[in-house]
Amino acid sequence: MSNPFSLNVDQELQLISPQLDMAKSLLQLVDKNRDFLNRHITFAQNKNSLSDVRSFLKEIINFNYGGQKFNLLIQYKNELVGIVGFHRINPFDARAEIGYWLGESFQGHGIMARSMPIFLRYGFEAKGINRVDLLTLSTHERSISLANRSGFLQEGILREYHFMHDRFYDAHIFSCLKKEFLSRNK
């Protein structure tokens, strides 16, 4: 069902299709970064065992195949370091939401800054997406900075949008349009 696929960002960085044999590496990455991830996203909350991670990988492989989502694993210097994906793909409106995360020790190496334009170009040109939304907690300064550096336009703040850690958090909403991206990234 899933054919190996990759987007080569540069010599040391690839965005690769998820495969079931990556479960152990992904679980190790999540375990090592569980506290870090839980500061800003809920991704790690239900990935506590090899079985959980295999189920997650099966799900994203199926969603990739069916077109409802499109997730790739981030590989840096041949090591699994995170995930980037389009979620809530709406083919009628040619719209998707982007999400991503990196392990803490891989922050500050330009991995997401280098990956973002390659992943966006693929979405715009190969997936037929016209608008990409990016939502991030108002407290997540690195993600807000990445959105701004990647050419996303902040459209507003969604008040008390996310519920985590027994409280509500505001979220910033950004967008990137195909025509704007392509005019900046010829």
Protein backbone atom coordinates (compact mmCIF):
# COMPACT_ATOMS: atom_id res chain seq x y z
CA MET A 1 0.00 0.00 0.00
CA SER A 2 2.80 2.49 0.76
CA ASN A 3 5.60 3.00 -1.69
CA PRO A 4 8.81 4.52 -0.38
CA PHE A 5 8.83 8.21 -1.23
CA SER A 6 11.18 10.98 -0.27
CA LEU A 7 11.79 14.65 -0.82
CA ASN A 8 15.47 15.45 -0.72
CA VAL A 9 16.02 18.77 1.00
CA ASP A 10 19.82 18.63 0.78
CA GLN A 11 22.63 16.10 1.26
CA GLU A 12 21.97 15.62 4.97
CA LEU A 13 18.20 16.17 5.15
CA GLN A 14 15.32 14.14 3.64
CA LEU A 15 11.57 13.99 4.15
CA ILE A 16 10.65 10.32 3.85
CA SER A 17 7.44 8.32 3.69
CA PRO A 18 6.54 6.50 6.89
CA GLN A 19 7.20 2.76 6.98
CA LEU A 20 6.22 0.26 9.68
CA ASP A 21 9.84 -0.73 10.26
CA MET A 22 10.46 2.80 11.57
CA ALA A 23 8.31 2.22 14.67
CA LYS A 24 11.18 1.48 17.04
CA SER A 25 13.15 4.57 15.97
CA LEU A 26 10.08 6.78 16.22
CA LEU A 27 9.20 5.43 19.68
CA GLN A 28 12.76 6.11 20.87
CA LEU A 29 12.55 9.67 19.53
CA VAL A 30 9.17 10.25 21.21
CA ASP A 31 10.34 8.74 24.51
CA LYS A 32 13.47 10.89 24.54
CA ASN A 33 11.41 14.02 23.79
CA ARG A 34 8.13 13.33 25.58
CA ASP A 35 8.40 16.19 28.09
CA PHE A 36 9.65 18.58 25.42
CA LEU A 37 6.82 17.70 23.01
CA ASN A 38 4.17 17.96 25.71
CA ARG A 39 4.99 21.65 26.22
CA HIS A 40 3.43 22.61 22.87
CA ILE A 41 1.56 19.68 21.30
CA THR A 42 -0.32 16.54 22.33
CA PHE A 43 1.45 14.24 19.87
CA ALA A 44 3.28 12.12 22.47
CA GLN A 45 0.29 11.50 24.73
CA ASN A 46 -0.92 8.28 23.13
CA LYS A 47 2.38 6.91 21.81
CA ASN A 48 3.65 4.95 24.81
CA SER A 49 4.51 1.56 23.31
CA LEU A 50 5.79 -0.02 20.14
CA SER A 51 2.23 -1.13 19.43
CA ASP A 52 0.94 2.46 19.77
CA VAL A 53 3.56 3.79 17.38
CA ARG A 54 2.96 0.99 14.87
CA SER A 55 -0.76 1.85 14.94
CA PHE A 56 0.07 5.52 14.38
CA LEU A 57 2.35 4.65 11.45
CA LYS A 58 -0.33 2.39 9.92
CA GLU A 59 -2.82 5.23 10.25
CA ILE A 60 -0.64 7.84 8.57
CA ILE A 61 0.39 5.40 5.84
CA ASN A 62 -3.31 4.78 5.13
CA PHE A 63 -4.14 8.49 5.26
CA ASN A 64 -1.23 9.27 2.94
CA TYR A 65 -2.51 6.63 0.54
CA GLY A 66 -6.10 7.88 0.77
CA GLY A 67 -5.19 11.57 0.46
CA GLN A 68 -6.83 12.75 3.69
CA LYS A 69 -3.45 13.70 5.17
CA PHE A 70 0.13 13.69 3.95
CA ASN A 71 2.82 13.01 6.55
CA LEU A 72 6.53 12.55 6.05
CA LEU A 73 9.19 11.69 8.61
CA ILE A 74 12.17 14.01 8.85
CA GLN A 75 15.53 12.30 8.52
CA TYR A 76 18.67 14.29 9.33
CA LYS A 77 22.11 12.72 8.83
CA ASN A 78 20.35 9.34 8.46
CA GLU A 79 18.57 9.70 11.83
CA LEU A 80 14.84 10.11 12.40
CA VAL A 81 14.37 13.55 14.00
CA GLY A 82 10.70 14.54 13.57
CA ILE A 83 7.58 14.71 11.42
CA VAL A 84 6.03 17.21 9.01
CA GLY A 85 2.59 16.82 7.52
CA PHE A 86 -0.51 18.27 5.96
CA HIS A 87 -3.59 17.61 8.06
CA ARG A 88 -7.23 18.32 7.37
CA ILE A 89 -6.68 18.29 3.61
CA ASN A 90 -9.78 19.72 1.98
CA PRO A 91 -9.58 18.93 -1.76
CA PHE A 92 -12.73 20.91 -2.59
CA ASP A 93 -11.27 24.13 -1.22
CA ALA A 94 -7.65 23.12 -2.06
CA ARG A 95 -6.70 23.81 1.55
CA ALA A 96 -4.66 22.01 4.22
CA GLU A 97 -3.22 22.61 7.66
CA ILE A 98 0.47 21.99 8.27
CA GLY A 99 1.93 20.50 11.44
CA TYR A 100 5.45 19.54 12.42
CA TRP A 101 7.75 18.72 15.29
CA LEU A 102 11.42 18.03 15.87
CA GLY A 103 13.24 16.38 18.72
CA GLU A 104 14.69 18.93 21.14
CA SER A 105 18.35 18.18 20.39
CA PHE A 106 17.71 18.85 16.68
CA GLN A 107 16.34 22.36 17.25
CA GLY A 108 18.53 25.21 16.03
CA HIS A 109 20.10 23.36 13.08
CA GLY A 110 17.83 24.93 10.44
CA ILE A 111 16.10 21.61 9.83
CA MET A 112 12.56 23.00 9.67
CA ALA A 113 13.63 26.21 7.93
CA ARG A 114 15.24 24.11 5.17
CA SER A 115 12.40 21.56 5.05
CA MET A 116 9.47 23.97 4.97
CA PRO A 117 9.93 25.38 1.43
CA ILE A 118 10.49 21.90 -0.04
CA PHE A 119 7.41 20.49 1.69
CA LEU A 120 5.25 23.50 0.79
CA ARG A 121 6.33 23.40 -2.86
CA TYR A 122 5.38 19.73 -3.02
CA GLY A 123 1.98 20.49 -1.51
CA PHE A 124 1.29 23.35 -3.88
CA GLU A 125 2.58 21.71 -7.05
CA ALA A 126 1.93 17.97 -6.58
CA LYS A 127 -0.98 17.88 -4.15
CA GLY A 128 -2.95 20.76 -5.69
CA ILE A 129 -3.13 22.73 -2.46
CA ASN A 130 -3.76 26.47 -2.78
CA ARG A 131 -3.77 27.54 0.88
CA VAL A 132 -1.84 26.15 3.83
CA ASP A 133 -2.88 27.09 7.36
CA LEU A 134 -0.46 26.93 10.28
CA LEU A 135 -1.83 27.05 13.82
CA THR A 136 0.50 27.25 16.81
CA LEU A 137 0.17 28.05 20.47
CA SER A 138 0.72 31.73 21.21
CA THR A 139 3.40 30.63 23.68
CA HIS A 140 5.38 28.64 21.07
CA GLU A 141 7.88 31.30 20.02
CA ARG A 142 10.02 29.01 17.82
CA SER A 143 7.01 27.93 15.76
CA ILE A 144 5.81 31.52 15.38
CA SER A 145 9.30 32.51 14.24
CA LEU A 146 9.39 29.65 11.72
CA ALA A 147 6.01 30.68 10.30
CA ASN A 148 7.21 34.26 9.84
CA ARG A 149 10.57 33.22 8.32
CA SER A 150 8.78 30.80 5.96
CA GLY A 151 6.59 33.54 4.50
CA PHE A 152 3.34 32.76 6.28
CA LEU A 153 1.07 35.72 7.01
CA GLN A 154 -0.44 35.94 10.48
CA GLU A 155 -4.19 36.29 10.14
CA GLY A 156 -5.12 36.50 13.78
CA ILE A 157 -5.28 34.94 17.19
CA LEU A 158 -7.80 32.24 18.02
CA ARG A 159 -8.69 32.83 21.65
CA GLU A 160 -8.67 29.82 23.97
CA TYR A 161 -8.41 27.53 20.95
CA HIS A 162 -6.36 24.60 22.35
CA PHE A 163 -7.02 22.72 25.58
CA MET A 164 -3.88 21.21 27.12
CA HIS A 165 -2.60 20.70 30.66
CA ASP A 166 -6.01 21.47 32.17
CA ARG A 167 -6.28 24.93 30.63
CA PHE A 168 -7.05 26.73 27.39
CA TYR A 169 -4.38 28.36 25.23
CA ASP A 170 -4.66 30.97 22.50
CA ALA A 171 -3.35 30.03 19.06
CA HIS A 172 -1.89 32.13 16.29
CA ILE A 173 -3.25 31.33 12.84
CA PHE A 174 -1.05 31.88 9.81
CA SER A 175 -1.61 31.16 6.13
CA CYS A 176 0.51 30.75 3.02
CA LEU A 177 -1.04 30.98 -0.43
CA LYS A 178 0.34 29.16 -3.45
CA LYS A 179 0.69 32.30 -5.59
CA GLU A 180 2.56 34.15 -2.82
CA PHE A 181 4.87 31.21 -2.13
CA LEU A 182 5.68 30.63 -5.81
CA SER A 183 6.38 34.33 -6.42
CA ARG A 184 8.91 34.31 -3.53
CA ASN A 185 10.41 30.89 -4.32
CA LYS A 186 10.96 30.76 -8.07
